[in-house]
Structures are given as structure tokens and as C-alpha cells.
């Protein structure tokens, strides 16, 4: 019998998933939660064969849960089930070594088939997600540049950013100039728009 745990912050969807998966003769859902912190604690105790994780949940995201389970409970296969096909989420999922990344509009049969496949060692990514990633332009910004651009997006001034990232204001201005150059933009707002459109932020 394959044991499953479901972490999904939408109660109705969580209940539906529990019902659908329990209909399979070889599946049993041994626990569920609507927030990431409880899910992580439960999964560590219950040690299910497969953990099905939403990304955007209170307290801890599904990606954060998966990253911690990679170290604490490597035998549990993590399946991300989300509405988000963003490239940065996908990159985090790959880093967390998840066994599958599916979109919520996938048929339930595909989810069931995926669970069985990952138990046999397969890695499954939603075809729609792979297409989106292949279409996405390569991100020219460094990790530090993305960090500074994110602070700009949240309304911080150059002085505030400098204090936050422990750099001089001059260095921050140099990073901003590099961001504008790499994105081919003339203002911070334009740079944010370009980065958002290409899912770099």
C-alpha cells in the first residue's frame, strides 16, 4: 500500500484530492494539512511514500518543505501540485530535487499515473511547464542584481537598499546601472516590468 500526504491550503481542493486518491486500491492518504509548517512536521512523523505539496501555503511554501525533506527524509518522494508555471519556482523545485512538478489543471488520472511513476524512480514535469521554461528568455541578471531589483520592486530607496544588503550606496547604484543595461531599460520601473514579464522575479 502506497502512503500519501497532501499539503494544500485550499480546503475544498484538499478534500477532493484526499477523496480521489483514496479511491485507488493501492493508495491511502495518511494525513493532510493546509499550511506548510504543519505539513513538514506531520511528514517527518508519518514518513509517507509520497508527499503532494502545493507551493503557496501559509508559514512554509511547498518548495521550502520539499527542500527540507530532501535532507531530512530523502525516501519520501515530493510531488509539487500548483497553479504556477513560473520559471523561478521550477528552478527551486529542481534544486529541491522534487520527483514531479504538475499543474493543478492536469487530469486526475495524470496525477495518479505520476505518483506510481515516481515510486519507480521516474521524474515527471508537466508538459505545459516545460514548454514555458523553454520559451522563457535566459535571465541575464546575477543573484545580487535580482535581490536589489526585488528591493526596488518593494519600494525601497537606494539608501534603504544599501542598508539592507550591507553595501555602499555607490555600489548599489552601480548594480542598478548594470540592471538597466542588461535589461535594455531606462528606468527602474521598466526594469521591474521586464523582469516580471520574463518571470525572473
N, C-alpha and C. Protein backbone atom coordinates (compact mmCIF):
# COMPACT_ATOMS: atom_id res chain seq x y z
N UNK A 1 0.84 -1.20 0.00
CA UNK A 1 0.00 0.00 0.00
C UNK A 1 0.88 1.25 0.00
N UNK A 2 0.62 2.16 -0.93
CA UNK A 2 1.37 3.42 -1.02
C UNK A 2 0.73 4.46 -0.11
N UNK A 3 1.53 5.03 0.80
CA UNK A 3 1.01 6.04 1.73
C UNK A 3 1.28 7.44 1.18
N UNK A 4 0.27 8.30 1.31
CA UNK A 4 0.33 9.65 0.74
C UNK A 4 0.03 10.69 1.81
N UNK A 5 0.64 11.86 1.64
CA UNK A 5 0.32 13.02 2.49
C UNK A 5 0.04 14.19 1.54
N UNK A 6 -1.01 14.97 1.85
CA UNK A 6 -1.40 16.08 0.99
C UNK A 6 -1.32 17.40 1.76
N UNK A 7 -0.57 18.35 1.20
CA UNK A 7 -0.48 19.70 1.76
C UNK A 7 -1.05 20.67 0.73
N UNK A 8 -2.20 21.23 1.03
CA UNK A 8 -2.92 22.12 0.10
C UNK A 8 -3.71 23.12 0.91
N UNK A 9 -3.48 24.43 0.65
CA UNK A 9 -4.10 25.45 1.51
C UNK A 9 -5.57 25.71 1.18
N UNK A 10 -6.07 25.22 0.03
CA UNK A 10 -7.49 25.36 -0.28
C UNK A 10 -8.23 24.12 0.23
N UNK A 11 -9.04 24.32 1.25
CA UNK A 11 -9.68 23.20 1.93
C UNK A 11 -10.50 22.32 0.98
N UNK A 12 -11.24 22.95 0.08
CA UNK A 12 -12.08 22.19 -0.84
C UNK A 12 -11.26 21.30 -1.75
N UNK A 13 -10.17 21.84 -2.28
CA UNK A 13 -9.30 21.07 -3.17
C UNK A 13 -8.60 19.95 -2.40
N UNK A 14 -8.17 20.27 -1.18
CA UNK A 14 -7.51 19.26 -0.35
C UNK A 14 -8.44 18.07 -0.12
N UNK A 15 -9.68 18.37 0.24
CA UNK A 15 -10.67 17.31 0.48
C UNK A 15 -10.92 16.49 -0.78
N UNK A 16 -10.99 17.17 -1.92
CA UNK A 16 -11.22 16.48 -3.19
C UNK A 16 -10.05 15.54 -3.52
N UNK A 17 -8.83 16.01 -3.29
CA UNK A 17 -7.65 15.19 -3.56
C UNK A 17 -7.63 13.95 -2.67
N UNK A 18 -7.94 14.15 -1.39
CA UNK A 18 -7.99 13.02 -0.45
C UNK A 18 -8.99 11.98 -0.95
N UNK A 19 -10.17 12.44 -1.35
CA UNK A 19 -11.23 11.53 -1.81
C UNK A 19 -10.81 10.78 -3.07
N UNK A 20 -10.28 11.51 -4.05
CA UNK A 20 -9.88 10.90 -5.33
C UNK A 20 -8.79 9.86 -5.13
N UNK A 21 -7.77 10.21 -4.34
CA UNK A 21 -6.63 9.31 -4.19
C UNK A 21 -6.98 8.09 -3.34
N UNK A 22 -7.87 8.27 -2.38
CA UNK A 22 -8.28 7.13 -1.55
C UNK A 22 -9.14 6.12 -2.32
N UNK A 23 -9.65 6.51 -3.47
CA UNK A 23 -10.43 5.59 -4.30
C UNK A 23 -9.54 4.54 -4.96
N UNK A 24 -8.24 4.83 -5.06
CA UNK A 24 -7.31 3.87 -5.65
C UNK A 24 -7.02 2.76 -4.64
N UNK A 25 -7.12 1.52 -5.09
CA UNK A 25 -6.96 0.38 -4.18
C UNK A 25 -5.59 0.32 -3.51
N UNK A 26 -4.57 0.84 -4.20
CA UNK A 26 -3.21 0.74 -3.66
C UNK A 26 -2.72 2.04 -3.02
N UNK A 27 -3.61 3.04 -2.86
CA UNK A 27 -3.25 4.30 -2.23
C UNK A 27 -4.01 4.47 -0.91
N UNK A 28 -3.35 5.08 0.07
CA UNK A 28 -4.05 5.52 1.28
C UNK A 28 -3.46 6.84 1.74
N UNK A 29 -4.33 7.84 1.93
CA UNK A 29 -3.89 9.15 2.41
C UNK A 29 -3.83 9.10 3.93
N UNK A 30 -2.62 9.25 4.48
CA UNK A 30 -2.43 9.10 5.93
C UNK A 30 -2.40 10.43 6.67
N UNK A 31 -2.52 11.54 5.93
CA UNK A 31 -2.54 12.84 6.58
C UNK A 31 -2.67 13.97 5.58
N UNK A 32 -3.10 15.14 6.07
CA UNK A 32 -3.23 16.31 5.20
C UNK A 32 -3.16 17.57 6.05
N UNK A 33 -2.85 18.68 5.38
CA UNK A 33 -2.72 19.95 6.10
C UNK A 33 -2.94 21.11 5.13
N UNK A 34 -3.28 22.28 5.68
CA UNK A 34 -3.45 23.47 4.85
C UNK A 34 -2.32 24.48 5.05
N UNK A 35 -1.27 24.13 5.80
CA UNK A 35 -0.12 25.03 5.92
C UNK A 35 1.18 24.23 5.92
N UNK A 36 2.23 24.86 5.44
CA UNK A 36 3.49 24.18 5.24
C UNK A 36 4.19 23.73 6.50
N UNK A 37 4.08 24.52 7.56
CA UNK A 37 4.77 24.17 8.81
C UNK A 37 4.21 22.89 9.40
N UNK A 38 2.88 22.79 9.44
CA UNK A 38 2.24 21.57 9.95
C UNK A 38 2.57 20.40 9.03
N UNK A 39 2.55 20.64 7.75
CA UNK A 39 2.84 19.57 6.79
C UNK A 39 4.23 19.00 7.02
N UNK A 40 5.22 19.87 7.18
CA UNK A 40 6.59 19.41 7.39
C UNK A 40 6.70 18.56 8.65
N UNK A 41 6.07 19.03 9.73
CA UNK A 41 6.10 18.28 10.99
C UNK A 41 5.41 16.92 10.84
N UNK A 42 4.24 16.93 10.20
CA UNK A 42 3.49 15.68 10.00
C UNK A 42 4.26 14.68 9.15
N UNK A 43 4.82 15.17 8.06
CA UNK A 43 5.53 14.29 7.12
C UNK A 43 6.74 13.65 7.79
N UNK A 44 7.44 14.43 8.60
CA UNK A 44 8.59 13.87 9.33
C UNK A 44 8.15 12.74 10.26
N UNK A 45 6.98 12.90 10.88
CA UNK A 45 6.50 11.86 11.81
C UNK A 45 5.92 10.66 11.07
N UNK A 46 5.11 10.93 10.04
CA UNK A 46 4.38 9.87 9.36
C UNK A 46 5.21 9.13 8.30
N UNK A 47 6.20 9.85 7.73
CA UNK A 47 7.09 9.28 6.71
C UNK A 47 6.32 8.60 5.57
N UNK A 48 5.47 9.35 4.88
CA UNK A 48 4.70 8.78 3.76
C UNK A 48 5.62 8.43 2.59
N UNK A 49 5.12 7.60 1.70
CA UNK A 49 5.89 7.29 0.50
C UNK A 49 5.96 8.51 -0.43
N UNK A 50 4.85 9.24 -0.48
CA UNK A 50 4.76 10.40 -1.38
C UNK A 50 4.11 11.57 -0.65
N UNK A 51 4.70 12.76 -0.78
CA UNK A 51 4.11 13.99 -0.25
C UNK A 51 3.70 14.86 -1.44
N UNK A 52 2.41 15.22 -1.50
CA UNK A 52 1.89 16.08 -2.56
C UNK A 52 1.77 17.49 -1.99
N UNK A 53 2.52 18.42 -2.55
CA UNK A 53 2.68 19.74 -1.95
C UNK A 53 2.24 20.86 -2.88
N UNK A 54 1.39 21.74 -2.37
CA UNK A 54 1.09 23.00 -3.05
C UNK A 54 2.29 23.92 -2.82
N UNK A 55 2.48 24.93 -3.67
CA UNK A 55 3.61 25.84 -3.47
C UNK A 55 3.24 26.93 -2.47
N UNK A 56 2.24 27.72 -2.78
CA UNK A 56 1.93 28.89 -1.94
C UNK A 56 0.98 28.49 -0.81
N UNK A 57 1.61 28.24 0.35
CA UNK A 57 0.86 27.91 1.56
C UNK A 57 1.33 28.82 2.69
N UNK A 58 0.51 28.99 3.74
CA UNK A 58 0.94 29.78 4.89
C UNK A 58 2.12 29.12 5.60
N UNK A 59 2.94 29.95 6.23
CA UNK A 59 4.04 29.55 7.14
C UNK A 59 5.26 28.96 6.42
N UNK A 60 5.07 27.99 5.56
CA UNK A 60 6.15 27.48 4.71
C UNK A 60 5.56 27.14 3.35
N UNK A 61 6.29 27.46 2.29
CA UNK A 61 5.82 27.09 0.96
C UNK A 61 6.10 25.61 0.71
N UNK A 62 5.44 25.06 -0.29
CA UNK A 62 5.70 23.68 -0.64
C UNK A 62 7.13 23.46 -1.06
N UNK A 63 7.74 24.45 -1.70
CA UNK A 63 9.14 24.34 -2.12
C UNK A 63 10.07 24.33 -0.92
N UNK A 64 9.75 25.11 0.10
CA UNK A 64 10.55 25.10 1.33
C UNK A 64 10.43 23.76 2.05
N UNK A 65 9.22 23.23 2.06
CA UNK A 65 9.00 21.91 2.66
C UNK A 65 9.81 20.85 1.91
N UNK A 66 9.74 20.88 0.59
CA UNK A 66 10.46 19.90 -0.23
C UNK A 66 11.96 19.98 -0.01
N UNK A 67 12.48 21.22 0.09
CA UNK A 67 13.92 21.40 0.29
C UNK A 67 14.36 20.80 1.62
N UNK A 68 13.55 20.97 2.67
CA UNK A 68 13.90 20.41 3.98
C UNK A 68 13.75 18.89 4.00
N UNK A 69 12.76 18.38 3.28
CA UNK A 69 12.57 16.93 3.23
C UNK A 69 13.69 16.24 2.45
N UNK A 70 14.27 16.95 1.51
CA UNK A 70 15.39 16.40 0.74
C UNK A 70 16.51 15.96 1.68
N UNK A 71 16.73 16.75 2.73
CA UNK A 71 17.79 16.44 3.70
C UNK A 71 17.29 15.50 4.80
N UNK A 72 16.08 15.79 5.31
CA UNK A 72 15.58 15.06 6.49
C UNK A 72 14.95 13.72 6.17
N UNK A 73 14.33 13.61 4.99
CA UNK A 73 13.56 12.40 4.68
C UNK A 73 13.67 12.10 3.17
N UNK A 74 14.86 11.76 2.71
CA UNK A 74 15.06 11.58 1.26
C UNK A 74 14.25 10.45 0.64
N UNK A 75 13.76 9.51 1.45
CA UNK A 75 12.99 8.39 0.91
C UNK A 75 11.59 8.81 0.47
N UNK A 76 11.08 9.91 1.04
CA UNK A 76 9.75 10.41 0.66
C UNK A 76 9.84 11.17 -0.66
N UNK A 77 9.04 10.75 -1.63
CA UNK A 77 9.01 11.42 -2.92
C UNK A 77 8.11 12.66 -2.83
N UNK A 78 8.60 13.79 -3.31
CA UNK A 78 7.83 15.04 -3.27
C UNK A 78 7.25 15.36 -4.65
N UNK A 79 5.95 15.56 -4.68
CA UNK A 79 5.25 15.93 -5.91
C UNK A 79 4.66 17.33 -5.70
N UNK A 80 5.12 18.29 -6.49
CA UNK A 80 4.58 19.65 -6.42
C UNK A 80 3.34 19.71 -7.31
N UNK A 81 2.24 20.20 -6.74
CA UNK A 81 0.98 20.36 -7.48
C UNK A 81 0.54 21.81 -7.30
N UNK A 82 0.60 22.60 -8.36
CA UNK A 82 0.43 24.04 -8.23
C UNK A 82 -0.26 24.65 -9.44
N UNK A 83 -0.73 25.88 -9.27
CA UNK A 83 -1.28 26.64 -10.40
C UNK A 83 -0.18 27.43 -11.11
N UNK A 84 1.02 27.46 -10.53
CA UNK A 84 2.07 28.36 -11.03
C UNK A 84 3.08 27.63 -11.91
N UNK A 85 3.22 28.10 -13.14
CA UNK A 85 4.20 27.53 -14.06
C UNK A 85 5.38 28.49 -14.24
N UNK A 86 5.74 29.20 -13.18
CA UNK A 86 6.81 30.19 -13.25
C UNK A 86 8.18 29.53 -13.26
N UNK A 87 9.08 30.10 -14.05
CA UNK A 87 10.41 29.51 -14.21
C UNK A 87 11.18 29.49 -12.89
N UNK A 88 11.07 30.57 -12.09
CA UNK A 88 11.85 30.60 -10.85
C UNK A 88 11.36 29.55 -9.86
N UNK A 89 10.05 29.28 -9.84
CA UNK A 89 9.53 28.21 -8.99
C UNK A 89 10.06 26.86 -9.47
N UNK A 90 10.07 26.68 -10.78
CA UNK A 90 10.55 25.42 -11.34
C UNK A 90 12.02 25.20 -10.98
N UNK A 91 12.82 26.26 -11.07
CA UNK A 91 14.24 26.15 -10.74
C UNK A 91 14.43 25.75 -9.27
N UNK A 92 13.61 26.34 -8.39
CA UNK A 92 13.68 25.98 -6.96
C UNK A 92 13.27 24.51 -6.77
N UNK A 93 12.29 24.06 -7.52
CA UNK A 93 11.83 22.68 -7.41
C UNK A 93 12.92 21.71 -7.84
N UNK A 94 13.63 22.06 -8.91
CA UNK A 94 14.73 21.21 -9.38
C UNK A 94 15.84 21.17 -8.33
N UNK A 95 16.14 22.32 -7.74
CA UNK A 95 17.16 22.37 -6.69
C UNK A 95 16.76 21.51 -5.49
N UNK A 96 15.46 21.51 -5.17
CA UNK A 96 14.96 20.70 -4.05
C UNK A 96 14.84 19.22 -4.42
N UNK A 97 15.15 18.90 -5.69
CA UNK A 97 15.14 17.52 -6.15
C UNK A 97 13.76 16.87 -6.04
N UNK A 98 12.71 17.63 -6.40
CA UNK A 98 11.36 17.06 -6.35
C UNK A 98 11.22 16.00 -7.43
N UNK A 99 10.35 15.05 -7.18
CA UNK A 99 10.17 13.95 -8.14
C UNK A 99 9.21 14.32 -9.26
N UNK A 100 8.33 15.30 -9.00
CA UNK A 100 7.38 15.71 -10.03
C UNK A 100 6.91 17.14 -9.78
N UNK A 101 6.57 17.83 -10.86
CA UNK A 101 6.04 19.20 -10.79
C UNK A 101 4.87 19.24 -11.76
N UNK A 102 3.66 19.26 -11.19
CA UNK A 102 2.44 19.22 -12.01
C UNK A 102 1.61 20.48 -11.80
N UNK A 103 0.83 20.82 -12.81
CA UNK A 103 -0.10 21.93 -12.70
C UNK A 103 -1.47 21.40 -12.27
N UNK A 104 -2.20 22.22 -11.51
CA UNK A 104 -3.47 21.77 -10.94
C UNK A 104 -4.55 21.50 -11.99
N UNK A 105 -4.37 22.02 -13.20
CA UNK A 105 -5.37 21.73 -14.22
C UNK A 105 -5.07 20.42 -14.96
N UNK A 106 -4.06 19.68 -14.47
CA UNK A 106 -3.78 18.36 -15.05
C UNK A 106 -4.91 17.39 -14.68
N UNK A 107 -5.22 16.44 -15.54
CA UNK A 107 -6.26 15.45 -15.20
C UNK A 107 -5.86 14.63 -13.97
N UNK A 108 -6.85 14.21 -13.20
CA UNK A 108 -6.57 13.42 -12.00
C UNK A 108 -5.87 12.11 -12.35
N UNK A 109 -6.19 11.55 -13.51
CA UNK A 109 -5.53 10.31 -13.95
C UNK A 109 -4.03 10.52 -14.13
N UNK A 110 -3.66 11.73 -14.59
CA UNK A 110 -2.24 12.04 -14.79
C UNK A 110 -1.52 12.11 -13.43
N UNK A 111 -2.18 12.68 -12.43
CA UNK A 111 -1.61 12.73 -11.08
C UNK A 111 -1.40 11.32 -10.55
N UNK A 112 -2.41 10.47 -10.70
CA UNK A 112 -2.32 9.09 -10.20
C UNK A 112 -1.19 8.33 -10.92
N UNK A 113 -1.13 8.51 -12.22
CA UNK A 113 -0.07 7.87 -13.00
C UNK A 113 1.31 8.39 -12.57
N UNK A 114 1.39 9.69 -12.30
CA UNK A 114 2.66 10.30 -11.89
C UNK A 114 3.12 9.74 -10.55
N UNK A 115 2.21 9.60 -9.60
CA UNK A 115 2.56 9.04 -8.29
C UNK A 115 3.17 7.66 -8.45
N UNK A 116 2.55 6.83 -9.27
CA UNK A 116 3.07 5.47 -9.48
C UNK A 116 4.44 5.52 -10.18
N UNK A 117 4.60 6.46 -11.09
CA UNK A 117 5.86 6.56 -11.83
C UNK A 117 7.02 7.00 -10.95
N UNK A 118 6.77 7.99 -10.08
CA UNK A 118 7.86 8.48 -9.24
C UNK A 118 8.28 7.43 -8.22
N UNK A 119 7.36 6.57 -7.82
CA UNK A 119 7.71 5.48 -6.91
C UNK A 119 8.66 4.49 -7.57
N UNK A 120 8.64 4.47 -8.90
CA UNK A 120 9.54 3.61 -9.66
C UNK A 120 10.80 4.34 -10.11
N UNK A 121 11.00 5.54 -9.56
CA UNK A 121 12.23 6.27 -9.84
C UNK A 121 12.16 7.32 -10.93
N UNK A 122 10.99 7.51 -11.52
CA UNK A 122 10.86 8.49 -12.60
C UNK A 122 10.78 9.92 -12.05
N UNK A 123 11.14 10.88 -12.90
CA UNK A 123 10.95 12.30 -12.60
C UNK A 123 10.01 12.85 -13.66
N UNK A 124 8.92 13.47 -13.21
CA UNK A 124 7.86 13.90 -14.13
C UNK A 124 7.64 15.41 -14.01
N UNK A 125 7.70 16.12 -15.15
CA UNK A 125 7.40 17.54 -15.18
C UNK A 125 6.23 17.78 -16.13
N UNK A 126 5.31 18.64 -15.73
CA UNK A 126 4.17 18.97 -16.56
C UNK A 126 4.64 19.44 -17.94
N UNK A 127 4.08 18.89 -19.02
CA UNK A 127 4.48 19.31 -20.37
C UNK A 127 4.31 20.82 -20.60
N UNK A 128 3.23 21.39 -20.05
CA UNK A 128 2.99 22.83 -20.21
C UNK A 128 4.10 23.63 -19.54
N UNK A 129 4.56 23.14 -18.38
CA UNK A 129 5.63 23.83 -17.66
C UNK A 129 6.92 23.80 -18.47
N UNK A 130 7.26 22.65 -19.00
CA UNK A 130 8.49 22.52 -19.78
C UNK A 130 8.46 23.46 -20.98
N UNK A 131 7.30 23.57 -21.65
CA UNK A 131 7.17 24.47 -22.79
C UNK A 131 7.42 25.92 -22.36
N UNK A 132 6.84 26.31 -21.21
CA UNK A 132 7.01 27.68 -20.72
C UNK A 132 8.47 27.97 -20.41
N UNK A 133 9.15 27.01 -19.81
CA UNK A 133 10.55 27.21 -19.44
C UNK A 133 11.41 27.32 -20.69
N UNK A 134 11.13 26.49 -21.69
CA UNK A 134 11.90 26.53 -22.92
C UNK A 134 11.68 27.84 -23.68
N UNK A 135 10.47 28.40 -23.53
CA UNK A 135 10.17 29.67 -24.21
C UNK A 135 10.78 30.88 -23.49
N UNK A 136 11.01 30.72 -22.19
CA UNK A 136 11.49 31.86 -21.40
C UNK A 136 12.90 32.26 -21.83
N UNK A 137 13.13 33.56 -21.90
CA UNK A 137 14.46 34.04 -22.24
C UNK A 137 15.40 33.84 -21.06
N UNK A 138 16.66 33.60 -21.36
CA UNK A 138 17.65 33.37 -20.31
C UNK A 138 17.80 34.62 -19.46
N UNK A 139 17.80 34.44 -18.16
CA UNK A 139 17.91 35.55 -17.23
C UNK A 139 19.34 36.07 -17.21
N UNK A 140 19.56 37.34 -17.61
CA UNK A 140 20.93 37.88 -17.65
C UNK A 140 21.39 38.44 -16.30
N UNK A 141 20.48 38.50 -15.33
CA UNK A 141 20.80 39.16 -14.06
C UNK A 141 21.41 38.19 -13.05
N UNK A 142 22.39 38.68 -12.31
CA UNK A 142 23.02 37.87 -11.27
C UNK A 142 22.09 37.77 -10.06
N UNK A 143 22.44 36.89 -9.15
CA UNK A 143 21.63 36.71 -7.94
C UNK A 143 21.55 38.03 -7.15
N UNK A 144 22.67 38.74 -7.03
CA UNK A 144 22.70 40.02 -6.30
C UNK A 144 21.86 41.06 -7.02
N UNK A 145 21.92 41.11 -8.34
CA UNK A 145 21.13 42.08 -9.10
C UNK A 145 19.64 41.80 -8.94
N UNK A 146 19.27 40.53 -8.94
CA UNK A 146 17.86 40.18 -8.72
C UNK A 146 17.42 40.58 -7.31
N UNK A 147 18.30 40.40 -6.35
CA UNK A 147 17.98 40.77 -4.97
C UNK A 147 17.72 42.27 -4.88
N UNK A 148 18.58 43.06 -5.50
CA UNK A 148 18.43 44.52 -5.47
C UNK A 148 17.17 44.95 -6.23
N UNK A 149 16.92 44.32 -7.36
CA UNK A 149 15.71 44.65 -8.13
C UNK A 149 14.45 44.31 -7.34
N UNK A 150 14.49 43.22 -6.59
CA UNK A 150 13.34 42.86 -5.75
C UNK A 150 13.09 43.91 -4.68
N UNK A 151 14.16 44.44 -4.11
CA UNK A 151 14.02 45.51 -3.10
C UNK A 151 13.44 46.77 -3.75
N UNK A 152 13.87 47.07 -4.96
CA UNK A 152 13.31 48.22 -5.69
C UNK A 152 11.82 48.00 -5.92
N UNK A 153 11.46 46.78 -6.30
CA UNK A 153 10.06 46.44 -6.55
C UNK A 153 9.20 46.67 -5.30
N UNK A 154 9.80 46.45 -4.13
CA UNK A 154 9.07 46.64 -2.88
C UNK A 154 9.14 48.07 -2.36
N UNK A 155 9.68 48.98 -3.19
CA UNK A 155 9.61 50.39 -2.87
C UNK A 155 10.77 50.97 -2.08
N UNK A 156 11.85 50.21 -1.92
CA UNK A 156 12.99 50.72 -1.15
C UNK A 156 13.81 51.70 -1.98
N UNK A 157 14.33 52.72 -1.32
CA UNK A 157 15.21 53.68 -1.97
C UNK A 157 16.62 53.11 -2.05
N UNK A 158 17.49 53.80 -2.80
CA UNK A 158 18.89 53.34 -2.90
C UNK A 158 19.53 53.27 -1.52
N UNK A 159 19.28 54.28 -0.70
CA UNK A 159 19.84 54.31 0.66
C UNK A 159 19.32 53.14 1.49
N UNK A 160 18.04 52.88 1.40
CA UNK A 160 17.44 51.77 2.17
C UNK A 160 17.98 50.41 1.70
N UNK A 161 18.14 50.29 0.40
CA UNK A 161 18.68 49.03 -0.14
C UNK A 161 20.11 48.82 0.36
N UNK A 162 20.89 49.89 0.33
CA UNK A 162 22.29 49.80 0.78
C UNK A 162 22.38 49.29 2.22
N UNK A 163 21.51 49.81 3.07
CA UNK A 163 21.49 49.37 4.47
C UNK A 163 21.05 47.92 4.59
N UNK A 164 20.08 47.54 3.77
CA UNK A 164 19.52 46.18 3.84
C UNK A 164 20.51 45.12 3.40
N UNK A 165 21.26 45.41 2.32
CA UNK A 165 22.19 44.40 1.77
C UNK A 165 23.64 44.64 2.19
N UNK A 166 23.83 45.63 3.05
CA UNK A 166 25.16 45.91 3.63
C UNK A 166 26.20 46.26 2.54
N UNK A 167 25.77 47.16 1.66
CA UNK A 167 26.66 47.68 0.62
C UNK A 167 26.61 49.21 0.67
N UNK A 168 27.59 49.85 0.04
CA UNK A 168 27.57 51.31 -0.02
C UNK A 168 26.53 51.74 -1.05
N UNK A 169 26.07 52.98 -0.92
CA UNK A 169 25.08 53.49 -1.87
C UNK A 169 25.66 53.52 -3.29
N UNK A 170 26.95 53.83 -3.39
CA UNK A 170 27.60 53.86 -4.70
C UNK A 170 27.60 52.49 -5.36
N UNK A 171 27.85 51.46 -4.57
CA UNK A 171 27.85 50.09 -5.11
C UNK A 171 26.45 49.69 -5.56
N UNK A 172 25.44 50.07 -4.78
CA UNK A 172 24.06 49.77 -5.15
C UNK A 172 23.71 50.48 -6.46
N UNK A 173 24.13 51.74 -6.60
CA UNK A 173 23.86 52.48 -7.84
C UNK A 173 24.53 51.79 -9.04
N UNK A 174 25.74 51.25 -8.81
CA UNK A 174 26.44 50.52 -9.88
C UNK A 174 25.65 49.28 -10.29
N UNK A 175 25.10 48.58 -9.29
CA UNK A 175 24.28 47.40 -9.58
C UNK A 175 23.03 47.80 -10.37
N UNK A 176 22.42 48.91 -9.99
CA UNK A 176 21.22 49.38 -10.68
C UNK A 176 21.54 49.74 -12.14
N UNK A 177 22.68 50.38 -12.35
CA UNK A 177 23.11 50.70 -13.72
C UNK A 177 23.29 49.43 -14.54
N UNK A 178 23.86 48.40 -13.91
CA UNK A 178 24.06 47.12 -14.60
C UNK A 178 22.73 46.47 -14.94
N UNK A 179 21.78 46.58 -14.01
CA UNK A 179 20.44 46.02 -14.23
C UNK A 179 19.78 46.68 -15.43
N UNK A 180 19.85 48.02 -15.49
CA UNK A 180 19.23 48.75 -16.60
C UNK A 180 19.90 48.39 -17.92
N UNK A 181 21.22 48.23 -17.88
CA UNK A 181 21.96 47.89 -19.09
C UNK A 181 21.59 46.50 -19.59
N UNK A 182 21.56 45.53 -18.67
CA UNK A 182 21.29 44.13 -19.05
C UNK A 182 19.84 43.92 -19.51
N UNK A 183 18.94 44.73 -18.98
CA UNK A 183 17.53 44.57 -19.36
C UNK A 183 17.13 45.50 -20.51
N UNK A 184 18.07 46.36 -20.91
CA UNK A 184 17.79 47.27 -22.02
C UNK A 184 16.74 48.30 -21.68
N UNK A 185 16.71 48.74 -20.43
CA UNK A 185 15.68 49.68 -19.97
C UNK A 185 16.33 50.99 -19.52
N UNK A 186 15.47 52.00 -19.35
CA UNK A 186 15.98 53.32 -18.95
C UNK A 186 15.54 53.73 -17.56
N UNK A 187 14.69 52.94 -16.93
CA UNK A 187 14.22 53.30 -15.59
C UNK A 187 14.04 52.04 -14.76
N UNK A 188 13.97 52.24 -13.47
CA UNK A 188 13.79 51.11 -12.55
C UNK A 188 12.44 50.42 -12.80
N UNK A 189 11.42 51.22 -13.05
CA UNK A 189 10.09 50.66 -13.29
C UNK A 189 10.10 49.77 -14.53
N UNK A 190 10.76 50.25 -15.60
CA UNK A 190 10.84 49.45 -16.83
C UNK A 190 11.58 48.15 -16.56
N UNK A 191 12.65 48.22 -15.77
CA UNK A 191 13.44 47.02 -15.46
C UNK A 191 12.59 46.01 -14.68
N UNK A 192 11.81 46.50 -13.74
CA UNK A 192 10.91 45.62 -12.97
C UNK A 192 9.90 44.97 -13.90
N UNK A 193 9.34 45.74 -14.82
CA UNK A 193 8.35 45.20 -15.76
C UNK A 193 8.95 44.10 -16.64
N UNK A 194 10.16 44.33 -17.14
CA UNK A 194 10.82 43.32 -17.98
C UNK A 194 11.09 42.05 -17.17
N UNK A 195 11.61 42.22 -15.97
CA UNK A 195 11.94 41.06 -15.13
C UNK A 195 10.68 40.28 -14.74
N UNK A 196 9.60 41.00 -14.49
CA UNK A 196 8.34 40.34 -14.12
C UNK A 196 7.75 39.59 -15.30
N UNK A 197 7.78 40.22 -16.48
CA UNK A 197 7.23 39.58 -17.67
C UNK A 197 7.94 38.29 -18.02
N UNK A 198 9.26 38.25 -17.76
CA UNK A 198 10.05 37.06 -18.08
C UNK A 198 10.19 36.11 -16.89
N UNK A 199 9.45 36.43 -15.80
CA UNK A 199 9.44 35.57 -14.61
C UNK A 199 10.83 35.43 -13.97
N UNK A 200 11.64 36.50 -14.06
CA UNK A 200 12.94 36.48 -13.38
C UNK A 200 12.79 36.86 -11.93
N UNK A 201 11.72 37.58 -11.61
CA UNK A 201 11.45 37.97 -10.21
C UNK A 201 10.36 37.06 -9.66
